Amino acid sequence: MTTLHQLRCFVASYEHGSLTAAARALGYSQPSVSEQVRLLEQGMGVRLFRRVGRGLVPTEAAHALRPHADQALAAVAQARTAATAVAELESGTIRFGVFGTSRLYLGSELALDVLARHPGVRVELVGQNSSEVAAELRSGRMEAAVIAIPVADAGLEVHPVMRDELVYVSAASDRCAQPVTPAALAAGPLVLSEASWGNEDSTRAQLLRAVQGVGGALRPRVEVEDVETALEVAASGLADCVTARGVLHRLADRLPPSLGWAPLRPKLFDEFAVVHRRGTPLSPAAALMVELATTRLHALDVQLRTLPRRRAPSGP
């Protein structure tokens, strides 16, 4: 089998016309270079050099091999450069998992943060629901992510980043005039998002546990896929929704003026964490995404601490 080491020794011997000079240029011993050339000749079944005095004269076979050897060595050098560039975030693709409503927490800013630092990379932010992303992490198809927790998997390492309080949103002032209990949740007309994921969704799972704890059931009047649609339905007054304060904050200029919100009692939270496979060091690309996403979520967390309560207007 022809090896790259053999080709390097061959090219150096061809260029320098001497095994001794080739060995000096490569930093190897002369016997080592001689042996690699011999093995290359043996493997190809041709003679590559004729000895003339202390020098070497390439044969026609050597002349024919030289451009191919150069191409092979150049291809390896290019491959090494490409791999190094990815490691140094100069090029390549950064793939990072996110939770379903991440666009309302991180928006386009996360991708823009990466491109501002490393304009040569491609960015993929992947995920429609945290349960889906957790499955990708477990399978190894994704290196790291920011998702909603809890995650029931001993093979994943979890680092909490932010908690966001869940609140009850309604266009009816009387239904958000005071904290909403699990019994009120069970009795109220609800519109809930994440229809495709149902109780696998972390928010829904919390609501389900809360109402079951008081002997109730979670029976939404309307189910939709995205939280913006749920809020639009809630604005009609025909159903109320539960969402996180961070969502309300990011959608503040788009929320119908009829909507107000009240806290839940006891309080419930969406909690987000950086998650990756246990015992696996993060690549520079994944570490960068973790850093940028964590910084943005921490900044939003600070803003939410001062977010005032929004009350629905009183009816006529």
Protein backbone atom coordinates (compact mmCIF):
# COMPACT_ATOMS: atom_id res chain seq x y z
CA MET A 1 0.00 0.00 0.00
CA THR A 2 1.36 3.41 -1.00
CA THR A 3 1.55 5.81 1.95
CA LEU A 4 1.86 9.58 2.18
CA HIS A 5 5.17 9.13 3.98
CA GLN A 6 6.53 7.20 1.00
CA LEU A 7 5.33 9.89 -1.41
CA ARG A 8 6.95 12.66 0.66
CA CYS A 9 10.26 10.81 0.63
CA PHE A 10 9.95 10.17 -3.09
CA VAL A 11 9.21 13.83 -3.93
CA ALA A 12 12.06 15.06 -1.72
CA SER A 13 14.48 12.60 -3.34
CA TYR A 14 13.26 13.61 -6.81
CA GLU A 15 13.70 17.32 -6.03
CA HIS A 16 17.06 17.10 -4.31
CA GLY A 17 18.59 14.32 -6.43
CA SER A 18 20.05 12.67 -3.35
CA LEU A 19 18.80 10.53 -0.50
CA THR A 20 21.09 12.36 1.91
CA ALA A 21 19.80 15.78 0.82
CA ALA A 22 16.21 14.56 0.90
CA ALA A 23 16.68 13.21 4.43
CA ARG A 24 18.18 16.53 5.52
CA ALA A 25 15.25 18.49 4.03
CA LEU A 26 12.65 16.24 5.66
CA GLY A 27 14.41 15.95 9.00
CA TYR A 28 14.69 12.15 8.75
CA SER A 29 17.65 9.81 8.69
CA GLN A 30 19.07 8.82 5.31
CA PRO A 31 18.35 5.09 5.85
CA SER A 32 14.72 5.92 6.67
CA VAL A 33 14.23 7.86 3.42
CA SER A 34 16.00 5.13 1.45
CA GLU A 35 13.71 2.48 2.96
CA GLN A 36 10.54 4.47 2.14
CA VAL A 37 11.62 4.87 -1.48
CA ARG A 38 12.43 1.15 -1.68
CA LEU A 39 9.00 0.25 -0.29
CA LEU A 40 7.33 2.58 -2.79
CA GLU A 41 9.21 0.97 -5.67
CA GLN A 42 8.35 -2.49 -4.37
CA GLY A 43 4.68 -1.62 -3.97
CA MET A 44 4.43 -0.18 -7.48
CA GLY A 45 6.63 -2.75 -9.12
CA VAL A 46 8.78 -0.14 -10.86
CA ARG A 47 12.22 1.38 -10.46
CA LEU A 48 12.06 5.08 -9.65
CA PHE A 49 15.73 6.08 -9.43
CA ARG A 50 19.10 5.02 -10.77
CA ARG A 51 22.14 5.66 -8.60
CA VAL A 52 24.85 7.74 -10.28
CA GLY A 53 27.77 8.36 -7.96
CA ARG A 54 26.28 9.79 -4.78
CA GLY A 55 23.21 11.11 -6.55
CA LEU A 56 19.94 9.83 -7.98
CA VAL A 57 18.60 10.04 -11.52
CA PRO A 58 14.80 9.72 -11.86
CA THR A 59 13.51 7.07 -14.25
CA GLU A 60 10.63 7.59 -16.67
CA ALA A 61 8.40 5.95 -14.08
CA ALA A 62 9.49 8.60 -11.56
CA HIS A 63 8.71 11.39 -14.03
CA ALA A 64 5.26 9.92 -14.57
CA LEU A 65 4.63 9.52 -10.83
CA ARG A 66 5.81 12.99 -9.78
CA PRO A 67 2.69 15.07 -10.71
CA HIS A 68 0.38 12.51 -9.10
CA ALA A 69 2.46 12.48 -5.94
CA ASP A 70 2.32 16.28 -5.84
CA GLN A 71 -1.47 16.20 -6.24
CA ALA A 72 -1.89 13.64 -3.47
CA LEU A 73 0.26 15.60 -1.05
CA ALA A 74 -1.46 18.87 -1.98
CA ALA A 75 -4.87 17.29 -1.40
CA VAL A 76 -3.81 16.18 2.07
CA ALA A 77 -2.49 19.66 2.85
CA GLN A 78 -5.78 21.18 1.71
CA ALA A 79 -7.74 18.71 3.81
CA ARG A 80 -5.65 19.60 6.85
CA THR A 81 -6.20 23.30 6.20
CA ALA A 82 -9.96 22.78 5.87
CA ALA A 83 -10.13 20.80 9.10
CA THR A 84 -8.05 23.39 10.92
CA ALA A 85 -10.24 26.18 9.55
CA VAL A 86 -13.34 24.50 10.94
CA ALA A 87 -11.67 24.06 14.31
CA GLU A 88 -10.68 27.71 14.29
CA LEU A 89 -14.16 28.75 13.11
CA GLU A 90 -12.95 30.17 9.81
CA SER A 91 -15.29 28.07 7.69
CA GLY A 92 -17.58 25.07 7.82
CA THR A 93 -21.04 24.65 9.34
CA ILE A 94 -22.07 25.31 12.93
CA ARG A 95 -25.15 23.23 13.84
CA PHE A 96 -26.81 24.02 17.14
CA GLY A 97 -30.07 22.80 18.67
CA VAL A 98 -32.68 25.21 20.01
CA PHE A 99 -36.09 24.98 21.67
CA GLY A 100 -39.25 25.68 19.69
CA THR A 101 -39.84 29.30 20.77
CA SER A 102 -36.15 30.20 20.67
CA ARG A 103 -36.87 32.70 17.89
CA LEU A 104 -38.69 34.79 20.51
CA TYR A 105 -35.80 34.57 22.98
CA LEU A 106 -32.74 34.52 20.73
CA GLY A 107 -34.28 35.60 17.44
CA SER A 108 -32.00 36.23 14.49
CA GLU A 109 -29.50 37.81 16.85
CA LEU A 110 -27.83 34.50 17.73
CA ALA A 111 -27.04 33.73 14.09
CA LEU A 112 -25.93 37.32 13.50
CA ASP A 113 -23.62 37.17 16.53
CA VAL A 114 -21.85 34.18 15.01
CA LEU A 115 -21.56 35.71 11.54
CA ALA A 116 -20.21 38.95 12.98
CA ARG A 117 -17.34 37.05 14.60
CA HIS A 118 -16.80 34.43 11.89
CA PRO A 119 -18.17 35.56 8.52
CA GLY A 120 -16.88 32.45 6.74
CA VAL A 121 -19.10 29.93 8.56
CA ARG A 122 -22.57 28.56 7.87
CA VAL A 123 -25.06 28.52 10.74
CA GLU A 124 -27.84 25.99 11.32
CA LEU A 125 -30.21 26.58 14.25
CA VAL A 126 -32.26 23.40 14.43
CA GLY A 127 -35.28 22.41 16.52
CA GLN A 128 -39.05 22.68 16.67
CA ASN A 129 -39.48 21.29 20.17
CA SER A 130 -37.10 20.47 23.01
CA SER A 131 -38.10 16.79 23.11
CA GLU A 132 -37.13 16.46 19.44
CA VAL A 133 -33.76 18.15 20.03
CA ALA A 134 -33.05 15.94 23.05
CA ALA A 135 -33.50 12.89 20.83
CA GLU A 136 -31.01 14.35 18.33
CA LEU A 137 -28.49 14.90 21.14
CA ARG A 138 -28.91 11.34 22.43
CA SER A 139 -28.34 9.90 18.96
CA GLY A 140 -25.19 11.96 18.44
CA ARG A 141 -26.63 13.77 15.42
CA MET A 142 -26.26 17.04 17.31
CA GLU A 143 -23.42 18.14 19.56
CA ALA A 144 -25.04 20.72 21.85
CA ALA A 145 -28.25 22.68 22.29
CA VAL A 146 -30.24 25.07 24.45
CA ILE A 147 -33.56 23.42 25.28
CA ALA A 148 -36.32 23.42 27.86
CA ILE A 149 -35.80 21.01 30.75
CA PRO A 150 -36.23 18.64 32.53
CA VAL A 151 -34.55 16.08 30.27
CA ALA A 152 -34.82 12.49 31.48
CA ASP A 153 -31.56 11.08 30.21
CA ALA A 154 -28.52 10.14 32.27
CA GLY A 155 -26.36 10.32 29.15
CA LEU A 156 -26.84 14.08 28.79
CA GLU A 157 -25.07 16.80 30.73
CA VAL A 158 -27.41 19.66 31.70
CA HIS A 159 -26.38 23.21 32.67
CA PRO A 160 -29.37 25.45 33.56
CA VAL A 161 -29.18 28.95 32.09
CA MET A 162 -32.50 30.72 32.64
CA ARG A 163 -35.92 30.36 34.28
CA ASP A 164 -38.92 32.13 32.74
CA GLU A 165 -42.16 32.41 34.69
CA LEU A 166 -45.32 31.05 33.09
CA VAL A 167 -48.35 33.34 33.24
CA TYR A 168 -52.04 33.19 32.39
CA VAL A 169 -52.99 35.43 29.46
CA SER A 170 -56.54 36.59 28.84
CA ALA A 171 -58.58 39.34 27.22
CA ALA A 172 -61.09 39.11 30.08
CA SER A 173 -60.06 41.42 32.90
CA ASP A 174 -61.88 39.35 35.53
CA ARG A 175 -59.97 36.18 34.53
CA CYS A 176 -56.56 37.79 35.06
CA ALA A 177 -57.44 40.00 38.03
CA GLN A 178 -55.76 37.67 40.50
CA PRO A 179 -53.32 34.74 40.53
CA VAL A 180 -54.65 31.71 38.67
CA THR A 181 -54.79 28.40 40.55
CA PRO A 182 -54.62 24.87 39.10
CA ALA A 183 -58.36 24.52 39.71
CA ALA A 184 -58.98 27.67 37.65
CA LEU A 185 -56.71 26.28 34.92
CA ALA A 186 -58.75 23.09 34.78
CA ALA A 187 -62.01 25.02 34.60
CA GLY A 188 -60.96 27.80 32.24
CA PRO A 189 -61.26 27.85 28.43
CA LEU A 190 -57.71 27.30 27.22
CA VAL A 191 -55.88 27.62 23.92
CA LEU A 192 -52.52 25.85 24.04
CA SER A 193 -49.66 25.76 21.57
CA GLU A 194 -47.40 22.80 20.61
CA ALA A 195 -50.34 20.76 19.33
CA SER A 196 -48.09 18.23 17.57
CA TRP A 197 -46.14 17.53 20.75
CA GLY A 198 -48.99 17.54 23.25
CA ASN A 199 -47.98 16.53 26.75
CA GLU A 200 -44.41 15.77 25.63
CA ASP A 201 -43.94 19.55 25.56
CA SER A 202 -42.34 20.70 28.82
CA THR A 203 -44.82 23.55 29.41
CA ARG A 204 -47.83 21.33 28.80
CA ALA A 205 -46.38 18.65 31.06
CA GLN A 206 -46.16 21.15 33.92
CA LEU A 207 -49.73 22.34 33.42
CA LEU A 208 -50.94 18.75 33.30
CA ARG A 209 -49.23 17.87 36.59
CA ALA A 210 -50.65 21.01 38.22
CA VAL A 211 -54.28 20.34 37.30
CA GLN A 212 -54.02 16.61 38.02
CA GLY A 213 -52.71 17.52 41.47
CA VAL A 214 -56.11 19.02 42.30
CA GLY A 215 -58.08 16.24 40.65
CA GLY A 216 -58.65 18.15 37.43
CA ALA A 217 -57.91 17.50 33.75
CA LEU A 218 -56.18 19.56 31.08
CA ARG A 219 -58.68 19.86 28.23
CA PRO A 220 -57.79 22.80 25.97
CA ARG A 221 -60.63 24.31 24.00
CA VAL A 222 -58.26 25.07 21.12
CA GLU A 223 -54.87 23.61 20.20
CA VAL A 224 -52.47 25.32 17.79
CA GLU A 225 -48.83 24.89 16.82
CA ASP A 226 -47.26 28.26 17.66
CA VAL A 227 -47.62 30.61 20.59
CA GLU A 228 -48.35 33.66 18.41
CA THR A 229 -51.50 31.99 17.10
CA ALA A 230 -52.49 31.04 20.65
CA LEU A 231 -52.19 34.68 21.71
CA GLU A 232 -54.29 35.81 18.75
CA VAL A 233 -57.03 33.38 19.78
CA ALA A 234 -56.76 34.61 23.37
CA ALA A 235 -57.21 38.19 22.16
CA SER A 236 -60.68 37.24 20.94
CA GLY A 237 -61.77 36.54 24.50
CA LEU A 238 -63.03 33.06 23.58
CA ALA A 239 -60.11 31.24 25.17
CA ASP A 240 -57.13 32.03 27.41
CA CYS A 241 -53.57 30.81 27.07
CA VAL A 242 -50.55 30.13 29.24
CA THR A 243 -47.19 31.34 28.07
CA ALA A 244 -43.91 32.63 29.43
CA ARG A 245 -43.11 36.23 30.34
CA GLY A 246 -40.17 36.21 27.95
CA VAL A 247 -42.53 35.53 25.06
CA LEU A 248 -44.76 38.43 26.10
CA HIS A 249 -41.73 40.68 26.43
CA ARG A 250 -40.39 39.88 22.96
CA LEU A 251 -43.85 40.22 21.38
CA ALA A 252 -44.79 43.34 23.34
CA ASP A 253 -45.18 45.63 20.32
CA ARG A 254 -47.28 43.01 18.52
CA LEU A 255 -49.61 41.96 21.33
CA PRO A 256 -53.26 42.95 20.95
CA PRO A 257 -54.06 45.72 23.47
CA SER A 258 -56.93 43.62 24.83
CA LEU A 259 -54.58 41.09 26.45
CA GLY A 260 -53.46 41.12 30.07
CA TRP A 261 -51.77 38.51 32.22
CA ALA A 262 -51.79 37.14 35.75
CA PRO A 263 -49.30 34.93 37.59
CA LEU A 264 -49.97 31.29 38.36
CA ARG A 265 -50.21 30.06 41.95
CA PRO A 266 -48.17 28.10 42.71
CA LYS A 267 -45.68 29.58 40.26
CA LEU A 268 -44.56 27.52 37.29
CA PHE A 269 -41.49 28.14 35.15
CA ASP A 270 -40.07 27.23 31.77
CA GLU A 271 -36.42 26.44 32.45
CA PHE A 272 -33.79 26.47 29.72
CA ALA A 273 -30.41 24.78 29.84
CA VAL A 274 -27.35 24.05 27.77
CA VAL A 275 -27.37 20.32 27.09
CA HIS A 276 -24.75 18.06 25.52
CA ARG A 277 -23.64 14.46 25.73
CA ARG A 278 -22.03 13.56 29.02
CA GLY A 279 -18.26 13.21 29.00
CA THR A 280 -17.89 14.62 25.49
CA PRO A 281 -15.82 17.82 25.18
CA LEU A 282 -17.41 20.55 23.08
CA SER A 283 -15.88 21.55 19.78
CA PRO A 284 -14.87 25.21 19.38
CA ALA A 285 -17.98 25.77 17.26
CA ALA A 286 -20.35 24.30 19.84
CA ALA A 287 -18.59 26.16 22.65
CA LEU A 288 -19.07 29.42 20.76
CA MET A 289 -22.80 28.79 20.32
CA VAL A 290 -23.16 27.93 23.99
CA GLU A 291 -21.36 31.13 24.96
CA LEU A 292 -23.45 33.38 22.71
CA ALA A 293 -26.81 31.76 23.55
CA THR A 294 -26.05 31.86 27.28
CA THR A 295 -25.11 35.53 27.14
CA ARG A 296 -28.34 36.45 25.37
CA LEU A 297 -30.54 34.42 27.71
CA HIS A 298 -28.85 35.92 30.77
CA ALA A 299 -29.45 39.42 29.41
CA LEU A 300 -33.14 38.63 28.78
CA ASP A 301 -33.43 37.20 32.29
CA VAL A 302 -32.28 40.54 33.73
CA GLN A 303 -34.85 42.42 31.63
CA LEU A 304 -37.67 40.14 32.74
CA ARG A 305 -37.02 40.86 36.41
CA THR A 306 -38.30 44.41 35.84
CA LEU A 307 -41.14 43.58 33.43
CA PRO A 308 -44.35 45.15 34.78
CA ARG A 309 -47.59 43.24 34.96
CA ARG A 310 -49.97 43.92 32.09
CA ARG A 311 -53.67 44.00 32.94
CA ALA A 312 -56.46 43.45 30.46
CA PRO A 313 -58.71 46.49 30.03
CA SER A 314 -62.03 46.38 31.84
CA GLY A 315 -65.08 45.59 29.75
CA PRO A 316 -67.60 48.28 28.83
